[in-house]
Amino acid sequence: MIKIVGKMKVAADKVDAFKDAAAEIVAKSRAEEGNVSYSLNQSIDDPQTLAFIEVWKDQEAISIHNASEHFTRILPILGGMCEGAPEITLYTEVAF
């Protein structure tokens, strides 16, 4: 499995609009075959910092997601509400 954290700093006056626009991408991404988990999270310390935390079955599932209609349509809208570029980090779980 691959975990993705997409952290974004949203303009103060756009936080509610960002969350509203993100609702569709969260719902549709959760319905994708290779998705294990997909959520939008808001920082407790800084309400302008929001992060998508995603878990995908494999890289193929991520590639399909990144090419999906909802992702390619909504992501530019969300990006337009942000201050600066998002921080996207991919992780694999450490097995013990």
N, C-alpha and C. Protein backbone atom coordinates (compact mmCIF):
# COMPACT_ATOMS: atom_id res chain seq x y z
N MET A 1 0.84 -1.19 0.00
CA MET A 1 0.00 0.00 0.00
C MET A 1 0.88 1.24 0.00
N ILE A 2 0.32 2.30 -0.59
CA ILE A 2 1.02 3.58 -0.65
C ILE A 2 0.14 4.62 0.02
N LYS A 3 0.75 5.41 0.89
CA LYS A 3 0.04 6.49 1.59
C LYS A 3 0.54 7.82 1.04
N ILE A 4 -0.39 8.74 0.84
CA ILE A 4 -0.07 10.06 0.32
C ILE A 4 -0.57 11.11 1.30
N VAL A 5 0.28 12.09 1.58
CA VAL A 5 -0.14 13.26 2.35
C VAL A 5 0.06 14.46 1.44
N GLY A 6 -1.05 15.12 1.12
CA GLY A 6 -1.02 16.33 0.29
C GLY A 6 -1.41 17.51 1.16
N LYS A 7 -0.41 18.27 1.59
CA LYS A 7 -0.60 19.38 2.54
C LYS A 7 -0.67 20.70 1.78
N MET A 8 -1.67 21.53 2.10
CA MET A 8 -1.88 22.79 1.41
C MET A 8 -2.18 23.91 2.40
N LYS A 9 -1.65 25.08 2.09
CA LYS A 9 -1.95 26.29 2.88
C LYS A 9 -3.01 27.05 2.09
N VAL A 10 -4.21 27.14 2.64
CA VAL A 10 -5.34 27.74 1.96
C VAL A 10 -5.49 29.20 2.41
N ALA A 11 -5.82 30.07 1.47
CA ALA A 11 -6.05 31.47 1.79
C ALA A 11 -7.14 31.56 2.86
N ALA A 12 -6.96 32.46 3.82
CA ALA A 12 -7.86 32.57 4.98
C ALA A 12 -9.32 32.73 4.56
N ASP A 13 -9.56 33.50 3.52
CA ASP A 13 -10.94 33.74 3.10
C ASP A 13 -11.50 32.65 2.18
N LYS A 14 -10.72 31.60 1.93
CA LYS A 14 -11.14 30.54 1.02
C LYS A 14 -11.29 29.17 1.71
N VAL A 15 -11.06 29.11 3.01
CA VAL A 15 -11.06 27.81 3.70
C VAL A 15 -12.41 27.10 3.55
N ASP A 16 -13.51 27.78 3.77
CA ASP A 16 -14.83 27.15 3.66
C ASP A 16 -15.11 26.71 2.23
N ALA A 17 -14.77 27.54 1.26
CA ALA A 17 -14.98 27.20 -0.15
C ALA A 17 -14.10 26.01 -0.54
N PHE A 18 -12.89 25.94 -0.01
CA PHE A 18 -11.98 24.82 -0.27
C PHE A 18 -12.62 23.52 0.23
N LYS A 19 -13.11 23.55 1.47
CA LYS A 19 -13.72 22.35 2.04
C LYS A 19 -14.94 21.93 1.24
N ASP A 20 -15.75 22.89 0.82
CA ASP A 20 -16.93 22.58 0.01
C ASP A 20 -16.53 21.91 -1.31
N ALA A 21 -15.53 22.47 -1.99
CA ALA A 21 -15.08 21.92 -3.27
C ALA A 21 -14.42 20.56 -3.08
N ALA A 22 -13.76 20.36 -1.96
CA ALA A 22 -13.06 19.10 -1.70
C ALA A 22 -14.03 17.95 -1.41
N ALA A 23 -15.23 18.26 -0.99
CA ALA A 23 -16.19 17.20 -0.64
C ALA A 23 -16.41 16.23 -1.80
N GLU A 24 -16.50 16.75 -3.02
CA GLU A 24 -16.74 15.90 -4.18
C GLU A 24 -15.54 15.00 -4.47
N ILE A 25 -14.34 15.57 -4.42
CA ILE A 25 -13.15 14.75 -4.72
C ILE A 25 -12.96 13.67 -3.66
N VAL A 26 -13.28 13.95 -2.41
CA VAL A 26 -13.17 12.95 -1.36
C VAL A 26 -14.17 11.81 -1.62
N ALA A 27 -15.43 12.16 -1.87
CA ALA A 27 -16.46 11.14 -2.09
C ALA A 27 -16.15 10.27 -3.30
N LYS A 28 -15.78 10.88 -4.40
CA LYS A 28 -15.52 10.12 -5.62
C LYS A 28 -14.23 9.31 -5.53
N SER A 29 -13.24 9.83 -4.83
CA SER A 29 -11.99 9.09 -4.67
C SER A 29 -12.20 7.86 -3.78
N ARG A 30 -13.00 8.00 -2.75
CA ARG A 30 -13.29 6.87 -1.87
C ARG A 30 -13.97 5.73 -2.64
N ALA A 31 -14.70 6.08 -3.69
CA ALA A 31 -15.42 5.08 -4.48
C ALA A 31 -14.53 4.37 -5.51
N GLU A 32 -13.31 4.85 -5.71
CA GLU A 32 -12.42 4.23 -6.69
C GLU A 32 -11.96 2.86 -6.20
N GLU A 33 -11.80 1.93 -7.15
CA GLU A 33 -11.50 0.54 -6.82
C GLU A 33 -10.23 0.37 -5.99
N GLY A 34 -9.16 1.08 -6.29
CA GLY A 34 -7.90 0.90 -5.59
C GLY A 34 -7.74 1.74 -4.34
N ASN A 35 -8.78 2.46 -3.93
CA ASN A 35 -8.68 3.33 -2.75
C ASN A 35 -8.98 2.55 -1.49
N VAL A 36 -8.14 2.75 -0.48
CA VAL A 36 -8.34 2.14 0.83
C VAL A 36 -8.92 3.18 1.79
N SER A 37 -8.43 4.42 1.69
CA SER A 37 -8.87 5.50 2.58
C SER A 37 -8.56 6.84 1.92
N TYR A 38 -9.44 7.83 2.14
CA TYR A 38 -9.23 9.16 1.55
C TYR A 38 -9.95 10.16 2.44
N SER A 39 -9.22 11.11 3.01
CA SER A 39 -9.86 12.10 3.89
C SER A 39 -9.21 13.46 3.75
N LEU A 40 -9.96 14.49 4.08
CA LEU A 40 -9.44 15.85 4.18
C LEU A 40 -9.34 16.18 5.65
N ASN A 41 -8.20 16.72 6.06
CA ASN A 41 -7.93 17.00 7.48
C ASN A 41 -7.49 18.45 7.64
N GLN A 42 -7.93 19.06 8.72
CA GLN A 42 -7.59 20.46 9.00
C GLN A 42 -6.71 20.52 10.25
N SER A 43 -5.63 21.29 10.15
CA SER A 43 -4.70 21.42 11.27
C SER A 43 -5.39 22.04 12.48
N ILE A 44 -5.12 21.49 13.64
CA ILE A 44 -5.63 22.05 14.89
C ILE A 44 -4.93 23.37 15.20
N ASP A 45 -3.64 23.45 14.88
CA ASP A 45 -2.85 24.64 15.19
C ASP A 45 -3.01 25.77 14.18
N ASP A 46 -3.34 25.43 12.92
CA ASP A 46 -3.45 26.43 11.86
C ASP A 46 -4.60 26.05 10.94
N PRO A 47 -5.79 26.63 11.13
CA PRO A 47 -6.96 26.26 10.34
C PRO A 47 -6.81 26.48 8.83
N GLN A 48 -5.79 27.21 8.42
CA GLN A 48 -5.54 27.41 6.99
C GLN A 48 -4.76 26.25 6.37
N THR A 49 -4.22 25.38 7.20
CA THR A 49 -3.47 24.23 6.70
C THR A 49 -4.39 23.02 6.65
N LEU A 50 -4.60 22.53 5.43
CA LEU A 50 -5.42 21.35 5.21
C LEU A 50 -4.58 20.29 4.51
N ALA A 51 -4.89 19.03 4.79
CA ALA A 51 -4.13 17.94 4.19
C ALA A 51 -5.06 16.81 3.78
N PHE A 52 -4.88 16.37 2.55
CA PHE A 52 -5.52 15.14 2.10
C PHE A 52 -4.61 14.00 2.56
N ILE A 53 -5.19 13.03 3.24
CA ILE A 53 -4.44 11.85 3.63
C ILE A 53 -5.12 10.66 2.94
N GLU A 54 -4.35 9.98 2.10
CA GLU A 54 -4.89 8.95 1.22
C GLU A 54 -4.12 7.65 1.40
N VAL A 55 -4.81 6.54 1.22
CA VAL A 55 -4.17 5.24 1.20
C VAL A 55 -4.67 4.52 -0.05
N TRP A 56 -3.70 4.06 -0.87
CA TRP A 56 -3.99 3.40 -2.14
C TRP A 56 -3.40 2.01 -2.16
N LYS A 57 -4.05 1.11 -2.87
CA LYS A 57 -3.61 -0.28 -3.00
C LYS A 57 -2.22 -0.38 -3.61
N ASP A 58 -1.98 0.42 -4.69
CA ASP A 58 -0.69 0.35 -5.37
C ASP A 58 -0.52 1.56 -6.29
N GLN A 59 0.62 1.64 -6.95
CA GLN A 59 0.91 2.78 -7.83
C GLN A 59 -0.07 2.84 -9.00
N GLU A 60 -0.50 1.70 -9.49
CA GLU A 60 -1.47 1.69 -10.59
C GLU A 60 -2.77 2.39 -10.19
N ALA A 61 -3.23 2.14 -8.98
CA ALA A 61 -4.45 2.79 -8.47
C ALA A 61 -4.26 4.30 -8.38
N ILE A 62 -3.08 4.73 -7.98
CA ILE A 62 -2.78 6.17 -7.91
C ILE A 62 -2.78 6.78 -9.30
N SER A 63 -2.19 6.09 -10.25
CA SER A 63 -2.15 6.60 -11.63
C SER A 63 -3.55 6.74 -12.21
N ILE A 64 -4.41 5.76 -11.96
CA ILE A 64 -5.79 5.83 -12.42
C ILE A 64 -6.50 7.01 -11.75
N HIS A 65 -6.29 7.16 -10.46
CA HIS A 65 -6.89 8.27 -9.71
C HIS A 65 -6.43 9.62 -10.27
N ASN A 66 -5.12 9.75 -10.50
CA ASN A 66 -4.58 11.03 -10.99
C ASN A 66 -5.10 11.40 -12.37
N ALA A 67 -5.55 10.42 -13.14
CA ALA A 67 -6.09 10.68 -14.47
C ALA A 67 -7.62 10.79 -14.47
N SER A 68 -8.25 10.60 -13.33
CA SER A 68 -9.72 10.59 -13.26
C SER A 68 -10.30 11.98 -13.55
N GLU A 69 -11.52 11.99 -14.01
CA GLU A 69 -12.20 13.24 -14.35
C GLU A 69 -12.33 14.15 -13.13
N HIS A 70 -12.75 13.59 -12.02
CA HIS A 70 -12.95 14.43 -10.84
C HIS A 70 -11.64 15.02 -10.33
N PHE A 71 -10.56 14.23 -10.38
CA PHE A 71 -9.26 14.73 -9.91
C PHE A 71 -8.75 15.85 -10.82
N THR A 72 -8.76 15.61 -12.13
CA THR A 72 -8.22 16.61 -13.07
C THR A 72 -9.07 17.87 -13.13
N ARG A 73 -10.34 17.77 -12.80
CA ARG A 73 -11.23 18.94 -12.82
C ARG A 73 -11.14 19.73 -11.52
N ILE A 74 -11.16 19.05 -10.39
CA ILE A 74 -11.27 19.73 -9.09
C ILE A 74 -9.92 20.21 -8.56
N LEU A 75 -8.86 19.45 -8.80
CA LEU A 75 -7.56 19.84 -8.23
C LEU A 75 -7.13 21.26 -8.63
N PRO A 76 -7.28 21.69 -9.89
CA PRO A 76 -6.91 23.07 -10.23
C PRO A 76 -7.76 24.11 -9.48
N ILE A 77 -9.01 23.79 -9.23
CA ILE A 77 -9.89 24.70 -8.47
C ILE A 77 -9.35 24.85 -7.05
N LEU A 78 -9.01 23.72 -6.43
CA LEU A 78 -8.47 23.75 -5.07
C LEU A 78 -7.13 24.49 -5.04
N GLY A 79 -6.29 24.22 -6.02
CA GLY A 79 -4.98 24.88 -6.09
C GLY A 79 -5.11 26.39 -6.19
N GLY A 80 -6.16 26.87 -6.86
CA GLY A 80 -6.39 28.30 -6.99
C GLY A 80 -6.76 28.99 -5.69
N MET A 81 -7.10 28.21 -4.68
CA MET A 81 -7.47 28.77 -3.38
C MET A 81 -6.29 28.74 -2.40
N CYS A 82 -5.16 28.24 -2.85
CA CYS A 82 -4.02 28.04 -1.95
C CYS A 82 -2.98 29.15 -2.08
N GLU A 83 -2.23 29.29 -1.01
CA GLU A 83 -1.09 30.20 -0.98
C GLU A 83 0.16 29.34 -1.19
N GLY A 84 0.70 29.35 -2.38
CA GLY A 84 1.88 28.54 -2.67
C GLY A 84 1.53 27.15 -3.14
N ALA A 85 2.57 26.40 -3.43
CA ALA A 85 2.42 25.04 -3.96
C ALA A 85 2.14 24.05 -2.84
N PRO A 86 1.40 23.00 -3.13
CA PRO A 86 1.17 21.97 -2.11
C PRO A 86 2.43 21.16 -1.86
N GLU A 87 2.49 20.55 -0.68
CA GLU A 87 3.55 19.60 -0.35
C GLU A 87 2.95 18.21 -0.47
N ILE A 88 3.43 17.42 -1.44
CA ILE A 88 2.92 16.08 -1.65
C ILE A 88 4.02 15.08 -1.29
N THR A 89 3.73 14.18 -0.36
CA THR A 89 4.70 13.19 0.08
C THR A 89 4.05 11.81 0.04
N LEU A 90 4.77 10.85 -0.57
CA LEU A 90 4.29 9.47 -0.62
C LEU A 90 5.06 8.63 0.40
N TYR A 91 4.35 7.70 1.02
CA TYR A 91 4.95 6.86 2.05
C TYR A 91 4.57 5.39 1.84
N THR A 92 5.43 4.52 2.30
CA THR A 92 5.08 3.12 2.46
C THR A 92 5.26 2.81 3.95
N GLU A 93 4.44 1.90 4.44
CA GLU A 93 4.49 1.57 5.86
C GLU A 93 5.72 0.73 6.18
N VAL A 94 6.34 1.01 7.28
CA VAL A 94 7.50 0.25 7.74
C VAL A 94 6.97 -0.99 8.47
N ALA A 95 7.40 -2.13 8.02
CA ALA A 95 6.96 -3.38 8.63
C ALA A 95 7.92 -3.77 9.76
N PHE A 96 7.37 -4.20 10.88
CA PHE A 96 8.18 -4.64 12.02
C PHE A 96 7.92 -6.10 12.30
